[in-house]
Every structure is written in C-alpha cells, then in structure tokens.
C-alpha cells in the first residue's frame, strides 16, 4: 500500500516561469513530500533533481516490472493546497499471465486540495496473454482543484501475437 501527501511552503517562490497566474506570479508553491509509505509489491521514487519547477514528480514502481497473479496495490494519494504533482511511470506497467483466476488489482483514491494540480501520466498498461486485471480509481477534488488523467492500455505483446489476448 502507498500513502503520500504533499504540502507547499507559501513563503518560497518558484524558480522558473511555471504556470503564471493573472498577476504574473507562480500559480503553485513548491511541493514537498510530507508522508510516503509503501510495501511490496510497490516501491516509490521521488527524485528531487528531475526539474527546477514547482512540480514534485512521483514514480510508483512494481518489483519485477509488473503485477503477478493475486497482487493487490492500494494507493491513497493526497495533493495539498497550491501544490503540483506529476505521477508517472518509468516503463510500461505490466500484468502477467493469470493461471489460477486470481486478479491482479490496482485501486487508487486521490484527494486534490484547493488550487492544486495532479497529473497522472503513466505509460500504457500492457496485459500479457491470459492476464486478469481489475482497477478502480476514485477522485476527490476541491471545487478549484485541477486533474489531468491519462488512463490507457496497449493490446498486449503485439510482436508475440498476444493482441487483446488477456482474460479480463
């Protein structure tokens, strides 16, 4: 399971020209990780040197580069007021073959506070032949919160003839 929260330090200004508001000031404050907890099969990388912008980049990674039969990942993610967070992957997430009819699962719950931005921009999910995958995502947005969501999947391992060959 993974839990993380972000908060901004209102006293600091952004180091570059990211997303200026109508007063020509940075719309978002610098974002810092407040809490981060994870357990197998998930690992979280939060590099500090990815950019000089206000945005905090977060990369969830699964051991073995994918989910095996019966894996269950539960994500709870909170983005604090005036923070900007990009949640991305470092490679195509994979769901491996399921022989015993136990789904691989990902369930996410996301909380986005006032004037905050969450961008979820993963690579496409690749379900291998006979893979069984179940996913749910729930979003709680403040009235003036922002969300960019890309949720997509590929046809499988195309060059191995596994076009749309997953079970579920």
N, C-alpha and C. Protein backbone atom coordinates (compact mmCIF):
# COMPACT_ATOMS: atom_id res chain seq x y z
N UNK A 1 0.84 -1.16 0.00
CA UNK A 1 0.00 0.00 0.00
C UNK A 1 0.90 1.23 0.00
N UNK A 2 0.44 2.28 -0.59
CA UNK A 2 1.21 3.50 -0.72
C UNK A 2 0.38 4.68 -0.26
N UNK A 3 0.93 5.48 0.60
CA UNK A 3 0.24 6.70 1.03
C UNK A 3 1.24 7.84 0.91
N UNK A 4 0.82 8.93 0.37
CA UNK A 4 1.69 10.09 0.31
C UNK A 4 0.87 11.36 0.38
N UNK A 5 1.46 12.39 0.90
CA UNK A 5 0.80 13.70 0.96
C UNK A 5 1.83 14.76 0.60
N UNK A 6 1.37 15.83 0.04
CA UNK A 6 2.25 16.91 -0.37
C UNK A 6 1.75 18.20 0.23
N UNK A 7 2.67 19.08 0.56
CA UNK A 7 2.26 20.41 1.03
C UNK A 7 3.20 21.44 0.44
N UNK A 8 2.74 22.67 0.39
CA UNK A 8 3.57 23.73 -0.17
C UNK A 8 4.06 24.66 0.92
N UNK A 9 5.16 25.31 0.63
CA UNK A 9 5.69 26.35 1.51
C UNK A 9 5.37 27.67 0.84
N UNK A 10 4.38 28.37 1.35
CA UNK A 10 3.90 29.60 0.72
C UNK A 10 4.96 30.69 0.63
N UNK A 11 5.98 30.64 1.50
CA UNK A 11 6.96 31.72 1.54
C UNK A 11 7.97 31.66 0.40
N UNK A 12 8.10 30.52 -0.28
CA UNK A 12 9.06 30.40 -1.36
C UNK A 12 8.40 30.68 -2.70
N UNK A 13 9.16 31.16 -3.64
CA UNK A 13 8.67 31.37 -4.99
C UNK A 13 9.26 30.33 -5.91
N UNK A 14 8.55 30.07 -6.98
CA UNK A 14 9.01 29.11 -7.97
C UNK A 14 10.31 29.63 -8.62
N UNK A 15 11.19 28.71 -8.96
CA UNK A 15 12.49 29.08 -9.53
C UNK A 15 12.44 29.37 -11.03
N UNK A 16 11.37 29.01 -11.70
CA UNK A 16 11.26 29.30 -13.14
C UNK A 16 9.88 29.83 -13.46
N UNK A 17 9.53 29.89 -14.69
CA UNK A 17 8.27 30.51 -15.11
C UNK A 17 7.14 29.51 -15.29
N UNK A 18 6.94 28.63 -14.35
CA UNK A 18 5.88 27.63 -14.49
C UNK A 18 4.52 28.22 -14.16
N UNK A 19 3.58 28.01 -15.02
CA UNK A 19 2.17 28.32 -14.81
C UNK A 19 1.90 29.61 -14.02
N UNK A 20 2.10 30.72 -14.64
CA UNK A 20 1.86 32.02 -14.00
C UNK A 20 0.36 32.30 -13.95
N UNK A 21 -0.07 32.98 -12.89
CA UNK A 21 -1.47 33.38 -12.81
C UNK A 21 -1.64 34.78 -13.40
N UNK A 22 -2.84 35.35 -13.25
CA UNK A 22 -3.12 36.65 -13.87
C UNK A 22 -2.27 37.79 -13.29
N UNK A 23 -1.70 37.61 -12.12
CA UNK A 23 -0.83 38.61 -11.52
C UNK A 23 0.65 38.36 -11.83
N UNK A 24 0.90 37.45 -12.77
CA UNK A 24 2.25 37.08 -13.19
C UNK A 24 3.06 36.44 -12.06
N UNK A 25 2.38 35.77 -11.11
CA UNK A 25 3.10 35.02 -10.09
C UNK A 25 2.84 33.53 -10.30
N UNK A 26 3.73 32.75 -9.76
CA UNK A 26 3.63 31.30 -9.91
C UNK A 26 2.33 30.82 -9.26
N UNK A 27 1.55 30.06 -10.02
CA UNK A 27 0.26 29.58 -9.52
C UNK A 27 0.44 28.58 -8.38
N UNK A 28 1.51 27.81 -8.43
CA UNK A 28 1.73 26.76 -7.43
C UNK A 28 2.94 27.07 -6.56
N UNK A 29 2.86 26.66 -5.31
CA UNK A 29 4.01 26.77 -4.43
C UNK A 29 4.89 25.55 -4.58
N UNK A 30 6.12 25.60 -4.11
CA UNK A 30 6.98 24.43 -4.17
C UNK A 30 6.33 23.27 -3.41
N UNK A 31 6.38 22.08 -3.96
CA UNK A 31 5.73 20.91 -3.37
C UNK A 31 6.77 19.99 -2.75
N UNK A 32 6.49 19.56 -1.55
CA UNK A 32 7.39 18.67 -0.83
C UNK A 32 6.62 17.46 -0.35
N UNK A 33 7.28 16.32 -0.27
CA UNK A 33 6.64 15.12 0.25
C UNK A 33 6.58 15.21 1.76
N UNK A 34 5.38 15.03 2.30
CA UNK A 34 5.18 15.08 3.74
C UNK A 34 5.21 13.67 4.31
N UNK A 35 4.50 12.74 3.68
CA UNK A 35 4.43 11.36 4.13
C UNK A 35 4.52 10.43 2.93
N UNK A 36 5.30 9.38 3.05
CA UNK A 36 5.38 8.39 1.98
C UNK A 36 5.57 7.02 2.62
N UNK A 37 4.64 6.13 2.35
CA UNK A 37 4.69 4.77 2.88
C UNK A 37 4.34 3.82 1.76
N UNK A 38 5.07 2.75 1.62
CA UNK A 38 4.74 1.74 0.61
C UNK A 38 5.22 0.38 1.09
N UNK A 39 4.66 -0.65 0.48
CA UNK A 39 5.08 -2.02 0.79
C UNK A 39 4.97 -2.86 -0.47
N UNK A 40 5.62 -4.02 -0.42
CA UNK A 40 5.65 -4.93 -1.55
C UNK A 40 4.23 -5.18 -2.07
N UNK A 41 4.01 -5.15 -3.38
CA UNK A 41 4.97 -5.17 -4.48
C UNK A 41 5.32 -3.79 -5.04
N UNK A 42 5.12 -2.74 -4.26
CA UNK A 42 5.30 -1.38 -4.77
C UNK A 42 6.52 -0.72 -4.14
N UNK A 43 7.17 0.11 -4.91
CA UNK A 43 8.23 0.98 -4.44
C UNK A 43 7.96 2.36 -5.02
N UNK A 44 8.31 3.42 -4.29
CA UNK A 44 8.05 4.78 -4.75
C UNK A 44 9.37 5.52 -4.89
N UNK A 45 9.55 6.15 -6.04
CA UNK A 45 10.72 7.00 -6.25
C UNK A 45 10.22 8.44 -6.39
N UNK A 46 10.86 9.34 -5.66
CA UNK A 46 10.51 10.77 -5.69
C UNK A 46 11.79 11.57 -5.89
N UNK A 47 12.31 11.58 -7.11
CA UNK A 47 13.59 12.26 -7.34
C UNK A 47 13.47 13.76 -7.11
N UNK A 48 14.48 14.32 -6.48
CA UNK A 48 14.46 15.76 -6.21
C UNK A 48 15.12 16.55 -7.32
N UNK A 49 15.85 15.89 -8.19
CA UNK A 49 16.62 16.62 -9.21
C UNK A 49 16.02 16.53 -10.61
N UNK A 50 14.75 16.17 -10.72
CA UNK A 50 14.15 15.99 -12.04
C UNK A 50 13.90 17.31 -12.77
N UNK A 51 13.59 18.35 -12.03
CA UNK A 51 13.42 19.67 -12.65
C UNK A 51 13.51 20.74 -11.57
N UNK A 52 13.62 21.97 -12.00
CA UNK A 52 13.67 23.08 -11.06
C UNK A 52 12.30 23.74 -10.90
N UNK A 53 11.27 23.12 -11.43
CA UNK A 53 9.93 23.70 -11.34
C UNK A 53 9.32 23.44 -9.97
N UNK A 54 8.12 23.94 -9.78
CA UNK A 54 7.39 23.74 -8.52
C UNK A 54 6.86 22.31 -8.40
N UNK A 55 6.80 21.60 -9.50
CA UNK A 55 6.16 20.29 -9.54
C UNK A 55 7.02 19.20 -8.89
N UNK A 56 6.38 18.37 -8.08
CA UNK A 56 7.02 17.20 -7.49
C UNK A 56 6.69 15.98 -8.35
N UNK A 57 7.69 15.31 -8.86
CA UNK A 57 7.49 14.11 -9.67
C UNK A 57 7.52 12.88 -8.76
N UNK A 58 6.60 11.94 -9.02
CA UNK A 58 6.50 10.71 -8.24
C UNK A 58 6.38 9.54 -9.21
N UNK A 59 7.21 8.50 -8.98
CA UNK A 59 7.21 7.32 -9.85
C UNK A 59 6.94 6.07 -9.03
N UNK A 60 5.72 5.51 -9.08
CA UNK A 60 5.49 4.21 -8.45
C UNK A 60 6.10 3.11 -9.33
N UNK A 61 6.79 2.17 -8.71
CA UNK A 61 7.46 1.09 -9.44
C UNK A 61 7.08 -0.23 -8.77
N UNK A 62 6.75 -1.22 -9.57
CA UNK A 62 6.47 -2.54 -9.02
C UNK A 62 7.71 -3.41 -9.19
N UNK A 63 7.98 -4.24 -8.18
CA UNK A 63 9.10 -5.17 -8.27
C UNK A 63 8.82 -6.14 -9.41
N UNK A 64 9.84 -6.48 -10.18
CA UNK A 64 9.67 -7.38 -11.30
C UNK A 64 9.01 -6.71 -12.49
N UNK A 65 8.88 -5.40 -12.43
CA UNK A 65 8.32 -4.59 -13.53
C UNK A 65 6.86 -4.85 -13.83
N UNK A 66 6.13 -5.48 -12.92
CA UNK A 66 4.71 -5.69 -13.19
C UNK A 66 4.00 -6.40 -12.06
N UNK A 67 2.71 -6.63 -12.27
CA UNK A 67 1.87 -7.30 -11.29
C UNK A 67 1.71 -8.77 -11.68
N UNK A 68 1.90 -9.64 -10.70
CA UNK A 68 1.67 -11.06 -10.93
C UNK A 68 0.32 -11.43 -10.34
N UNK A 69 -0.11 -12.61 -10.66
CA UNK A 69 -1.42 -13.09 -10.22
C UNK A 69 -1.59 -12.93 -8.71
N UNK A 70 -2.70 -12.29 -8.32
CA UNK A 70 -3.02 -12.10 -6.91
C UNK A 70 -2.44 -10.84 -6.28
N UNK A 71 -1.54 -10.13 -6.98
CA UNK A 71 -1.02 -8.87 -6.45
C UNK A 71 -2.16 -7.87 -6.29
N UNK A 72 -2.10 -7.11 -5.21
CA UNK A 72 -3.09 -6.07 -4.98
C UNK A 72 -2.36 -4.82 -4.50
N UNK A 73 -2.54 -3.73 -5.23
CA UNK A 73 -1.92 -2.46 -4.88
C UNK A 73 -3.03 -1.47 -4.56
N UNK A 74 -2.96 -0.87 -3.38
CA UNK A 74 -3.92 0.15 -2.96
C UNK A 74 -3.16 1.45 -2.77
N UNK A 75 -3.56 2.47 -3.51
CA UNK A 75 -2.89 3.76 -3.46
C UNK A 75 -3.83 4.80 -2.86
N UNK A 76 -3.33 5.52 -1.87
CA UNK A 76 -4.04 6.67 -1.33
C UNK A 76 -3.09 7.85 -1.49
N UNK A 77 -3.55 8.88 -2.15
CA UNK A 77 -2.65 9.95 -2.60
C UNK A 77 -3.32 11.29 -2.33
N UNK A 78 -2.63 12.18 -1.62
CA UNK A 78 -3.20 13.50 -1.32
C UNK A 78 -2.26 14.58 -1.82
N UNK A 79 -2.82 15.55 -2.55
CA UNK A 79 -2.07 16.69 -3.03
C UNK A 79 -2.58 17.91 -2.28
N UNK A 80 -1.69 18.57 -1.54
CA UNK A 80 -2.07 19.70 -0.69
C UNK A 80 -2.35 20.96 -1.48
N UNK A 81 -2.89 21.93 -0.79
CA UNK A 81 -3.26 23.22 -1.36
C UNK A 81 -2.08 23.87 -2.08
N UNK A 82 -2.33 24.33 -3.32
CA UNK A 82 -1.37 25.04 -4.17
C UNK A 82 -0.16 24.21 -4.56
N UNK A 83 -0.24 22.88 -4.44
CA UNK A 83 0.87 22.01 -4.85
C UNK A 83 0.62 21.47 -6.25
N UNK A 84 1.69 21.09 -6.92
CA UNK A 84 1.58 20.44 -8.22
C UNK A 84 2.40 19.16 -8.18
N UNK A 85 1.77 18.08 -8.63
CA UNK A 85 2.39 16.75 -8.58
C UNK A 85 2.17 16.05 -9.91
N UNK A 86 3.23 15.44 -10.42
CA UNK A 86 3.14 14.60 -11.62
C UNK A 86 3.42 13.17 -11.19
N UNK A 87 2.46 12.31 -11.42
CA UNK A 87 2.57 10.89 -11.12
C UNK A 87 2.77 10.17 -12.44
N UNK A 88 3.94 9.55 -12.64
CA UNK A 88 4.28 8.95 -13.93
C UNK A 88 4.94 7.59 -13.70
N UNK A 89 5.14 6.85 -14.78
CA UNK A 89 5.84 5.57 -14.72
C UNK A 89 7.16 5.69 -15.46
N UNK A 90 8.06 4.76 -15.18
CA UNK A 90 9.36 4.77 -15.84
C UNK A 90 9.43 3.75 -16.97
N UNK A 91 8.41 2.93 -17.10
CA UNK A 91 8.32 1.96 -18.19
C UNK A 91 6.86 1.50 -18.27
N UNK A 92 6.57 0.69 -19.27
CA UNK A 92 5.22 0.17 -19.42
C UNK A 92 4.87 -0.71 -18.22
N UNK A 93 3.82 -0.38 -17.45
CA UNK A 93 3.40 -1.30 -16.39
C UNK A 93 2.85 -2.58 -17.03
N UNK A 94 3.14 -3.71 -16.42
CA UNK A 94 2.75 -4.99 -17.00
C UNK A 94 1.88 -5.77 -16.03
N UNK A 95 0.96 -6.56 -16.60
CA UNK A 95 0.17 -7.52 -15.83
C UNK A 95 0.46 -8.88 -16.46
N UNK A 96 1.06 -9.77 -15.66
CA UNK A 96 1.49 -11.06 -16.17
C UNK A 96 0.34 -12.07 -16.19
N UNK A 97 0.59 -13.20 -16.81
CA UNK A 97 -0.37 -14.28 -17.00
C UNK A 97 -1.01 -14.72 -15.68
N UNK A 98 -2.28 -15.05 -15.76
CA UNK A 98 -3.05 -15.49 -14.60
C UNK A 98 -3.55 -16.92 -14.87
N UNK A 99 -2.99 -17.88 -14.19
CA UNK A 99 -3.38 -19.28 -14.40
C UNK A 99 -4.46 -19.75 -13.43
N UNK A 100 -4.54 -19.14 -12.25
CA UNK A 100 -5.45 -19.63 -11.19
C UNK A 100 -6.63 -18.70 -10.94
N UNK A 101 -6.92 -17.84 -11.89
CA UNK A 101 -8.09 -16.96 -11.83
C UNK A 101 -8.08 -15.98 -10.65
N UNK A 102 -6.89 -15.56 -10.21
CA UNK A 102 -6.78 -14.54 -9.17
C UNK A 102 -6.35 -13.25 -9.85
N UNK A 103 -7.24 -12.26 -9.81
CA UNK A 103 -6.95 -10.98 -10.47
C UNK A 103 -5.73 -10.29 -9.87
N UNK A 104 -5.02 -9.56 -10.70
CA UNK A 104 -4.08 -8.55 -10.25
C UNK A 104 -4.91 -7.28 -10.11
N UNK A 105 -4.68 -6.51 -9.04
CA UNK A 105 -5.57 -5.39 -8.77
C UNK A 105 -4.80 -4.11 -8.46
N UNK A 106 -5.37 -2.99 -8.88
CA UNK A 106 -4.88 -1.67 -8.52
C UNK A 106 -6.09 -0.82 -8.17
N UNK A 107 -6.10 -0.31 -6.95
CA UNK A 107 -7.19 0.55 -6.50
C UNK A 107 -6.59 1.84 -5.98
N UNK A 108 -7.01 2.96 -6.54
CA UNK A 108 -6.46 4.25 -6.16
C UNK A 108 -7.53 5.20 -5.67
N UNK A 109 -7.18 5.95 -4.63
CA UNK A 109 -8.05 7.01 -4.13
C UNK A 109 -7.18 8.26 -4.04
N UNK A 110 -7.62 9.33 -4.67
CA UNK A 110 -6.83 10.55 -4.82
C UNK A 110 -7.61 11.74 -4.26
N UNK A 111 -6.93 12.55 -3.45
CA UNK A 111 -7.51 13.75 -2.86
C UNK A 111 -6.72 14.95 -3.35
N UNK A 112 -7.40 15.91 -3.95
CA UNK A 112 -6.71 17.07 -4.52
C UNK A 112 -7.32 18.32 -3.89
N UNK A 113 -6.48 19.03 -3.12
CA UNK A 113 -6.95 20.21 -2.38
C UNK A 113 -7.07 21.44 -3.28
N UNK A 114 -7.50 22.51 -2.68
CA UNK A 114 -7.74 23.78 -3.35
C UNK A 114 -6.52 24.29 -4.12
N UNK A 115 -6.75 24.71 -5.36
CA UNK A 115 -5.74 25.28 -6.25
C UNK A 115 -4.55 24.36 -6.51
N UNK A 116 -4.73 23.07 -6.29
CA UNK A 116 -3.67 22.09 -6.51
C UNK A 116 -3.84 21.44 -7.88
N UNK A 117 -2.78 20.80 -8.35
CA UNK A 117 -2.77 20.12 -9.64
C UNK A 117 -2.18 18.73 -9.48
N UNK A 118 -2.89 17.72 -9.96
CA UNK A 118 -2.37 16.36 -10.03
C UNK A 118 -2.43 15.92 -11.48
N UNK A 119 -1.29 15.52 -12.02
CA UNK A 119 -1.21 14.98 -13.38
C UNK A 119 -0.82 13.52 -13.27
N UNK A 120 -1.68 12.62 -13.71
CA UNK A 120 -1.39 11.19 -13.72
C UNK A 120 -1.12 10.82 -15.17
N UNK A 121 0.15 10.53 -15.47
CA UNK A 121 0.60 10.35 -16.86
C UNK A 121 1.45 9.09 -17.00
N UNK A 122 0.83 7.91 -16.85
CA UNK A 122 1.61 6.68 -16.96
C UNK A 122 1.84 6.28 -18.41
N UNK A 123 2.81 5.39 -18.60
CA UNK A 123 2.93 4.69 -19.88
C UNK A 123 1.74 3.74 -19.96
N UNK A 124 1.39 3.26 -21.17
CA UNK A 124 0.21 2.37 -21.26
C UNK A 124 0.44 1.04 -20.56
N UNK A 125 -0.60 0.55 -19.92
CA UNK A 125 -0.59 -0.75 -19.26
C UNK A 125 -0.55 -1.84 -20.32
N UNK A 126 0.27 -2.86 -20.09
CA UNK A 126 0.37 -3.99 -21.03
C UNK A 126 -0.06 -5.26 -20.31
N UNK A 127 -1.18 -5.82 -20.73
CA UNK A 127 -1.66 -7.08 -20.17
C UNK A 127 -1.19 -8.24 -21.04
N UNK A 128 -0.44 -9.16 -20.46
CA UNK A 128 0.06 -10.32 -21.18
C UNK A 128 -1.10 -11.31 -21.44
N UNK A 129 -0.83 -12.30 -22.26
CA UNK A 129 -1.82 -13.34 -22.58
C UNK A 129 -2.32 -13.98 -21.27
N UNK A 130 -3.63 -14.13 -21.16
CA UNK A 130 -4.32 -14.72 -20.01
C UNK A 130 -4.24 -13.87 -18.74
N UNK A 131 -3.81 -12.62 -18.85
CA UNK A 131 -3.76 -11.74 -17.68
C UNK A 131 -5.19 -11.40 -17.24
N UNK A 132 -5.36 -11.20 -15.94
CA UNK A 132 -6.65 -10.80 -15.38
C UNK A 132 -6.41 -9.61 -14.46
N UNK A 133 -7.00 -8.47 -14.80
CA UNK A 133 -6.68 -7.21 -14.12
C UNK A 133 -7.95 -6.48 -13.73
N UNK A 134 -7.95 -5.94 -12.53
CA UNK A 134 -9.09 -5.19 -12.01
C UNK A 134 -8.55 -3.87 -11.46
N UNK A 135 -9.15 -2.77 -11.88
CA UNK A 135 -8.68 -1.44 -11.45
C UNK A 135 -9.87 -0.55 -11.10
N UNK A 136 -9.69 0.25 -10.06
CA UNK A 136 -10.67 1.29 -9.74
C UNK A 136 -9.91 2.54 -9.31
N UNK A 137 -10.47 3.69 -9.63
CA UNK A 137 -9.88 4.96 -9.24
C UNK A 137 -11.00 5.88 -8.77
N UNK A 138 -10.78 6.52 -7.63
CA UNK A 138 -11.74 7.46 -7.08
C UNK A 138 -11.02 8.78 -6.84
N UNK A 139 -11.64 9.88 -7.29
CA UNK A 139 -11.02 11.20 -7.17
C UNK A 139 -11.92 12.11 -6.34
N UNK A 140 -11.30 12.80 -5.39
CA UNK A 140 -11.98 13.79 -4.56
C UNK A 140 -11.30 15.12 -4.82
N UNK A 141 -11.97 16.01 -5.54
CA UNK A 141 -11.38 17.29 -5.92
C UNK A 141 -12.09 18.44 -5.22
N UNK A 142 -11.28 19.38 -4.71
CA UNK A 142 -11.85 20.64 -4.24
C UNK A 142 -12.45 21.35 -5.46
N UNK A 143 -13.39 22.26 -5.26
CA UNK A 143 -14.03 22.93 -6.41
C UNK A 143 -13.05 23.62 -7.36
N UNK A 144 -11.92 24.09 -6.86
CA UNK A 144 -10.95 24.77 -7.71
C UNK A 144 -9.66 23.95 -7.90
N UNK A 145 -9.76 22.63 -7.70
CA UNK A 145 -8.62 21.74 -7.93
C UNK A 145 -8.52 21.39 -9.41
N UNK A 146 -7.37 20.85 -9.80
CA UNK A 146 -7.10 20.50 -11.20
C UNK A 146 -6.59 19.07 -11.30
N UNK A 147 -7.09 18.35 -12.31
CA UNK A 147 -6.69 16.98 -12.54
C UNK A 147 -6.46 16.76 -14.04
N UNK A 148 -5.31 16.17 -14.37
CA UNK A 148 -5.05 15.70 -15.72
C UNK A 148 -4.85 14.20 -15.60
N UNK A 149 -5.70 13.42 -16.25
CA UNK A 149 -5.68 11.96 -16.10
C UNK A 149 -5.56 11.29 -17.46
N UNK A 150 -4.55 10.44 -17.57
CA UNK A 150 -4.38 9.61 -18.75
C UNK A 150 -4.44 8.17 -18.27
N UNK A 151 -5.45 7.43 -18.71
CA UNK A 151 -5.61 6.03 -18.31
C UNK A 151 -5.76 5.23 -19.59
N UNK A 152 -4.75 4.47 -19.93
CA UNK A 152 -4.76 3.77 -21.21
C UNK A 152 -4.05 2.43 -21.10
N UNK A 153 -4.33 1.56 -22.07
CA UNK A 153 -3.66 0.28 -22.09
C UNK A 153 -3.39 -0.13 -23.53
N UNK A 154 -2.40 -0.98 -23.68
CA UNK A 154 -1.99 -1.47 -25.00
C UNK A 154 -2.65 -2.82 -25.27
N UNK A 155 -2.56 -3.27 -26.49
CA UNK A 155 -3.23 -4.51 -26.91
C UNK A 155 -2.54 -5.76 -26.39
N UNK A 156 -1.43 -5.64 -25.72
CA UNK A 156 -0.66 -6.77 -25.24
C UNK A 156 0.70 -6.77 -25.91
N UNK A 157 1.36 -7.92 -25.88
CA UNK A 157 2.67 -8.03 -26.54
C UNK A 157 2.43 -8.32 -28.02
N UNK A 158 2.27 -7.29 -28.77
CA UNK A 158 1.87 -7.34 -30.17
C UNK A 158 2.79 -8.25 -31.00
N UNK A 159 4.09 -8.09 -30.85
CA UNK A 159 5.05 -8.86 -31.66
C UNK A 159 5.09 -10.34 -31.28
N UNK A 160 4.52 -10.70 -30.13
CA UNK A 160 4.43 -12.11 -29.72
C UNK A 160 3.06 -12.70 -30.05
N UNK A 161 2.25 -11.94 -30.80
CA UNK A 161 0.93 -12.42 -31.19
C UNK A 161 -0.11 -12.34 -30.09
N UNK A 162 0.17 -11.59 -29.04
CA UNK A 162 -0.77 -11.51 -27.92
C UNK A 162 -1.65 -10.26 -28.04
N UNK A 163 -2.27 -10.10 -29.16
CA UNK A 163 -3.14 -8.94 -29.38
C UNK A 163 -4.50 -9.18 -28.72
N UNK A 164 -4.80 -8.39 -27.71
CA UNK A 164 -6.05 -8.47 -26.96
C UNK A 164 -6.30 -9.89 -26.43
N UNK A 165 -5.23 -10.57 -25.99
CA UNK A 165 -5.33 -11.96 -25.54
C UNK A 165 -5.45 -12.09 -24.02
N UNK A 166 -5.61 -10.97 -23.32
CA UNK A 166 -5.77 -11.07 -21.87
C UNK A 166 -7.19 -11.54 -21.55
N UNK A 167 -7.36 -12.12 -20.36
CA UNK A 167 -8.67 -12.67 -19.97
C UNK A 167 -9.65 -11.59 -19.53
N UNK A 168 -9.14 -10.63 -18.74
CA UNK A 168 -10.02 -9.61 -18.16
C UNK A 168 -9.21 -8.38 -17.83
